[in-house]
């Protein structure tokens, strides 16, 4: 998986994130995280979603 950042850098590795289900209104809605974790050669990189230009 490649994560392309706004500054032109690319991280290629295993992408991980966790979603949660809301209890309030609207009930059952899926909430996505504000950060992603990319594992590149056994080193974890935490990336803010608003710094990502594309994922592919």
PDB file of N, CA and C in Angstrom:
ATOM      1  N   UNK A   1       0.847  -1.156   0.000  1.00  0.00           N
ATOM      2  CA  UNK A   1       0.000   0.000   0.000  1.00  0.00           C
ATOM      3  C   UNK A   1       0.900   1.229   0.000  1.00  0.00           C
ATOM      4  N   UNK A   2       0.593   2.198  -0.828  1.00  0.00           N
ATOM      5  CA  UNK A   2       1.339   3.455  -0.859  1.00  0.00           C
ATOM      6  C   UNK A   2       0.466   4.581  -0.328  1.00  0.00           C
ATOM      7  N   UNK A   3       1.044   5.384   0.553  1.00  0.00           N
ATOM      8  CA  UNK A   3       0.373   6.571   1.070  1.00  0.00           C
ATOM      9  C   UNK A   3       1.169   7.765   0.577  1.00  0.00           C
ATOM     10  N   UNK A   4       0.556   8.580  -0.272  1.00  0.00           N
ATOM     11  CA  UNK A   4       1.204   9.766  -0.825  1.00  0.00           C
ATOM     12  C   UNK A   4       0.853  10.973   0.027  1.00  0.00           C
ATOM     13  N   UNK A   5       1.892  11.684   0.460  1.00  0.00           N
ATOM     14  CA  UNK A   5       1.705  12.830   1.341  1.00  0.00           C
ATOM     15  C   UNK A   5       1.682  14.127   0.547  1.00  0.00           C
ATOM     16  N   UNK A   6       1.111  15.175   1.125  1.00  0.00           N
ATOM     17  CA  UNK A   6       0.978  16.458   0.436  1.00  0.00           C
ATOM     18  C   UNK A   6       2.319  17.059   0.024  1.00  0.00           C
ATOM     19  N   UNK A   7       3.385  16.804   0.773  1.00  0.00           N
ATOM     20  CA  UNK A   7       4.697  17.350   0.466  1.00  0.00           C
ATOM     21  C   UNK A   7       5.434  16.609  -0.632  1.00  0.00           C
ATOM     22  N   UNK A   8       4.813  15.571  -1.214  1.00  0.00           N
ATOM     23  CA  UNK A   8       5.431  14.826  -2.291  1.00  0.00           C
ATOM     24  C   UNK A   8       6.086  13.523  -1.852  1.00  0.00           C
ATOM     25  N   UNK A   9       6.181  13.260  -0.548  1.00  0.00           N
ATOM     26  CA  UNK A   9       6.754  12.017  -0.056  1.00  0.00           C
ATOM     27  C   UNK A   9       5.752  10.880  -0.213  1.00  0.00           C
ATOM     28  N   UNK A  10       6.283   9.656  -0.336  1.00  0.00           N
ATOM     29  CA  UNK A  10       5.450   8.468  -0.413  1.00  0.00           C
ATOM     30  C   UNK A  10       5.946   7.451   0.600  1.00  0.00           C
ATOM     31  N   UNK A  11       5.023   6.898   1.371  1.00  0.00           N
ATOM     32  CA  UNK A  11       5.330   5.798   2.281  1.00  0.00           C
ATOM     33  C   UNK A  11       4.700   4.546   1.695  1.00  0.00           C
ATOM     34  N   UNK A  12       5.504   3.496   1.525  1.00  0.00           N
ATOM     35  CA  UNK A  12       5.003   2.242   0.986  1.00  0.00           C
ATOM     36  C   UNK A  12       5.205   1.156   2.026  1.00  0.00           C
ATOM     37  N   UNK A  13       4.128   0.511   2.404  1.00  0.00           N
ATOM     38  CA  UNK A  13       4.192  -0.537   3.424  1.00  0.00           C
ATOM     39  C   UNK A  13       2.800  -1.041   3.736  1.00  0.00           C
ATOM     40  N   UNK A  14       2.621  -1.499   4.965  1.00  0.00           N
ATOM     41  CA  UNK A  14       1.338  -2.019   5.412  1.00  0.00           C
ATOM     42  C   UNK A  14       0.570  -0.910   6.117  1.00  0.00           C
ATOM     43  N   UNK A  15      -0.658  -0.664   5.663  1.00  0.00           N
ATOM     44  CA  UNK A  15      -1.500   0.399   6.214  1.00  0.00           C
ATOM     45  C   UNK A  15      -2.428  -0.185   7.269  1.00  0.00           C
ATOM     46  N   UNK A  16      -2.541   0.499   8.412  1.00  0.00           N
ATOM     47  CA  UNK A  16      -3.442   0.037   9.470  1.00  0.00           C
ATOM     48  C   UNK A  16      -4.212   1.218  10.042  1.00  0.00           C
ATOM     49  N   UNK A  17      -5.486   0.974  10.321  1.00  0.00           N
ATOM     50  CA  UNK A  17      -6.310   1.956  11.015  1.00  0.00           C
ATOM     51  C   UNK A  17      -7.500   1.219  11.608  1.00  0.00           C
ATOM     52  N   UNK A  18      -8.135   1.818  12.578  1.00  0.00           N
ATOM     53  CA  UNK A  18      -9.291   1.197  13.221  1.00  0.00           C
ATOM     54  C   UNK A  18     -10.487   2.127  13.135  1.00  0.00           C
ATOM     55  N   UNK A  19     -11.630   1.572  12.792  1.00  0.00           N
ATOM     56  CA  UNK A  19     -12.873   2.346  12.779  1.00  0.00           C
ATOM     57  C   UNK A  19     -13.643   2.053  14.061  1.00  0.00           C
ATOM     58  N   UNK A  20     -14.542   2.950  14.399  1.00  0.00           N
ATOM     59  CA  UNK A  20     -15.422   2.743  15.544  1.00  0.00           C
ATOM     60  C   UNK A  20     -16.856   2.991  15.103  1.00  0.00           C
ATOM     61  N   UNK A  21     -17.798   2.440  15.839  1.00  0.00           N
ATOM     62  CA  UNK A  21     -19.214   2.647  15.567  1.00  0.00           C
ATOM     63  C   UNK A  21     -19.782   3.569  16.635  1.00  0.00           C
ATOM     64  N   UNK A  22     -20.486   4.616  16.197  1.00  0.00           N
ATOM     65  CA  UNK A  22     -21.011   5.585  17.152  1.00  0.00           C
ATOM     66  C   UNK A  22     -22.253   5.046  17.864  1.00  0.00           C
ATOM     67  N   UNK A  23     -22.383   5.448  19.120  1.00  0.00           N
ATOM     68  CA  UNK A  23     -23.550   5.067  19.915  1.00  0.00           C
ATOM     69  C   UNK A  23     -24.619   6.153  19.880  1.00  0.00           C
ATOM     70  N   UNK A  24     -24.190   7.395  19.670  1.00  0.00           N
ATOM     71  CA  UNK A  24     -25.132   8.522  19.689  1.00  0.00           C
ATOM     72  C   UNK A  24     -25.856   8.666  18.360  1.00  0.00           C
ATOM     73  N   UNK A  25     -26.169   9.912  18.029  1.00  0.00           N
ATOM     74  CA  UNK A  25     -26.893  10.194  16.795  1.00  0.00           C
ATOM     75  C   UNK A  25     -25.907  10.487  15.691  1.00  0.00           C
ATOM     76  N   UNK A  26     -25.967   9.956  14.522  1.00  0.00           N
ATOM     77  CA  UNK A  26     -26.831   8.834  14.154  1.00  0.00           C
ATOM     78  C   UNK A  26     -26.233   7.517  14.619  1.00  0.00           C
ATOM     79  N   UNK A  27     -27.045   6.713  15.230  1.00  0.00           N
ATOM     80  CA  UNK A  27     -26.591   5.435  15.793  1.00  0.00           C
ATOM     81  C   UNK A  27     -26.090   4.512  14.691  1.00  0.00           C
ATOM     82  N   UNK A  28     -25.007   3.809  14.982  1.00  0.00           N
ATOM     83  CA  UNK A  28     -24.478   2.837  14.029  1.00  0.00           C
ATOM     84  C   UNK A  28     -23.601   3.417  12.935  1.00  0.00           C
ATOM     85  N   UNK A  29     -23.337   4.721  12.964  1.00  0.00           N
ATOM     86  CA  UNK A  29     -22.501   5.339  11.942  1.00  0.00           C
ATOM     87  C   UNK A  29     -21.044   4.937  12.169  1.00  0.00           C
ATOM     88  N   UNK A  30     -20.293   4.708  11.096  1.00  0.00           N
ATOM     89  CA  UNK A  30     -18.884   4.361  11.207  1.00  0.00           C
ATOM     90  C   UNK A  30     -18.048   5.630  11.276  1.00  0.00           C
ATOM     91  N   UNK A  31     -17.179   5.692  12.258  1.00  0.00           N
ATOM     92  CA  UNK A  31     -16.289   6.835  12.438  1.00  0.00           C
ATOM     93  C   UNK A  31     -14.870   6.405  12.072  1.00  0.00           C
ATOM     94  N   UNK A  32     -14.217   7.176  11.205  1.00  0.00           N
ATOM     95  CA  UNK A  32     -12.866   6.867  10.769  1.00  0.00           C
ATOM     96  C   UNK A  32     -11.866   7.698  11.570  1.00  0.00           C
ATOM     97  N   UNK A  33     -10.628   7.214  11.699  1.00  0.00           N
ATOM     98  CA  UNK A  33      -9.636   7.881  12.538  1.00  0.00           C
ATOM     99  C   UNK A  33      -9.077   9.157  11.902  1.00  0.00           C
ATOM    100  N   UNK A  34      -8.417   9.972  12.736  1.00  0.00           N
ATOM    101  CA  UNK A  34      -7.740  11.179  12.260  1.00  0.00           C
ATOM    102  C   UNK A  34      -6.305  10.889  11.833  1.00  0.00           C
ATOM    103  N   UNK A  35      -5.786   9.710  12.197  1.00  0.00           N
ATOM    104  CA  UNK A  35      -4.421   9.320  11.844  1.00  0.00           C
ATOM    105  C   UNK A  35      -4.410   7.901  11.296  1.00  0.00           C
ATOM    106  N   UNK A  36      -3.419   7.640  10.439  1.00  0.00           N
ATOM    107  CA  UNK A  36      -3.187   6.310   9.889  1.00  0.00           C
ATOM    108  C   UNK A  36      -1.811   5.849  10.349  1.00  0.00           C
ATOM    109  N   UNK A  37      -1.622   4.549  10.438  1.00  0.00           N
ATOM    110  CA  UNK A  37      -0.312   3.993  10.760  1.00  0.00           C
ATOM    111  C   UNK A  37       0.175   3.209   9.551  1.00  0.00           C
ATOM    112  N   UNK A  38       1.394   3.525   9.094  1.00  0.00           N
ATOM    113  CA  UNK A  38       2.000   2.810   7.980  1.00  0.00           C
ATOM    114  C   UNK A  38       3.257   2.128   8.501  1.00  0.00           C
ATOM    115  N   UNK A  39       3.326   0.804   8.330  1.00  0.00           N
ATOM    116  CA  UNK A  39       4.486   0.028   8.754  1.00  0.00           C
ATOM    117  C   UNK A  39       5.404  -0.140   7.548  1.00  0.00           C
ATOM    118  N   UNK A  40       6.562   0.533   7.592  1.00  0.00           N
ATOM    119  CA  UNK A  40       7.540   0.480   6.506  1.00  0.00           C
ATOM    120  C   UNK A  40       8.804  -0.169   7.050  1.00  0.00           C
ATOM    121  N   UNK A  41       9.109  -1.369   6.560  1.00  0.00           N
ATOM    122  CA  UNK A  41      10.311  -2.101   6.988  1.00  0.00           C
ATOM    123  C   UNK A  41      10.432  -2.162   8.510  1.00  0.00           C
ATOM    124  N   UNK A  42       9.389  -2.579   9.163  1.00  0.00           N
ATOM    125  CA  UNK A  42       9.280  -2.744  10.621  1.00  0.00           C
ATOM    126  C   UNK A  42       9.327  -1.436  11.407  1.00  0.00           C
ATOM    127  N   UNK A  43       9.294  -0.284  10.756  1.00  0.00           N
ATOM    128  CA  UNK A  43       9.222   0.999  11.446  1.00  0.00           C
ATOM    129  C   UNK A  43       7.826   1.582  11.243  1.00  0.00           C
ATOM    130  N   UNK A  44       7.168   1.946  12.352  1.00  0.00           N
ATOM    131  CA  UNK A  44       5.815   2.499  12.271  1.00  0.00           C
ATOM    132  C   UNK A  44       5.870   4.005  12.064  1.00  0.00           C
ATOM    133  N   UNK A  45       5.071   4.484  11.114  1.00  0.00           N
ATOM    134  CA  UNK A  45       4.941   5.914  10.837  1.00  0.00           C
ATOM    135  C   UNK A  45       3.486   6.288  11.065  1.00  0.00           C
ATOM    136  N   UNK A  46       3.239   7.289  11.892  1.00  0.00           N
ATOM    137  CA  UNK A  46       1.890   7.791  12.118  1.00  0.00           C
ATOM    138  C   UNK A  46       1.698   9.027  11.254  1.00  0.00           C
ATOM    139  N   UNK A  47       0.625   9.016  10.453  1.00  0.00           N
ATOM    140  CA  UNK A  47       0.382  10.080   9.484  1.00  0.00           C
ATOM    141  C   UNK A  47      -1.003  10.663   9.719  1.00  0.00           C
ATOM    142  N   UNK A  48      -1.075  11.974   9.843  1.00  0.00           N
ATOM    143  CA  UNK A  48      -2.380  12.630   9.964  1.00  0.00           C
ATOM    144  C   UNK A  48      -3.116  12.540   8.623  1.00  0.00           C
ATOM    145  N   UNK A  49      -4.402  12.263   8.688  1.00  0.00           N
ATOM    146  CA  UNK A  49      -5.199  12.108   7.474  1.00  0.00           C
ATOM    147  C   UNK A  49      -5.185  13.376   6.632  1.00  0.00           C
ATOM    148  N   UNK A  50      -5.162  14.555   7.256  1.00  0.00           N
ATOM    149  CA  UNK A  50      -5.189  15.789   6.473  1.00  0.00           C
ATOM    150  C   UNK A  50      -3.841  16.078   5.795  1.00  0.00           C
ATOM    151  N   UNK A  51      -2.826  15.223   5.986  1.00  0.00           N
ATOM    152  CA  UNK A  51      -1.541  15.356   5.286  1.00  0.00           C
ATOM    153  C   UNK A  51      -1.420  14.373   4.126  1.00  0.00           C
ATOM    154  N   UNK A  52      -2.474  13.582   3.886  1.00  0.00           N
ATOM    155  CA  UNK A  52      -2.471  12.562   2.840  1.00  0.00           C
ATOM    156  C   UNK A  52      -3.122  13.112   1.580  1.00  0.00           C
ATOM    157  N   UNK A  53      -2.428  12.969   0.438  1.00  0.00           N
ATOM    158  CA  UNK A  53      -3.032  13.395  -0.819  1.00  0.00           C
ATOM    159  C   UNK A  53      -3.737  12.239  -1.515  1.00  0.00           C
ATOM    160  N   UNK A  54      -3.209  11.007  -1.360  1.00  0.00           N
ATOM    161  CA  UNK A  54      -3.873   9.849  -1.951  1.00  0.00           C
ATOM    162  C   UNK A  54      -3.340   8.569  -1.321  1.00  0.00           C
ATOM    163  N   UNK A  55      -4.139   7.520  -1.463  1.00  0.00           N
ATOM    164  CA  UNK A  55      -3.762   6.189  -0.987  1.00  0.00           C
ATOM    165  C   UNK A  55      -4.009   5.227  -2.136  1.00  0.00           C
ATOM    166  N   UNK A  56      -3.029   4.409  -2.420  1.00  0.00           N
ATOM    167  CA  UNK A  56      -3.223   3.479  -3.539  1.00  0.00           C
ATOM    168  C   UNK A  56      -2.383   2.249  -3.426  1.00  0.00           C
TER     169      UNK A  56
END
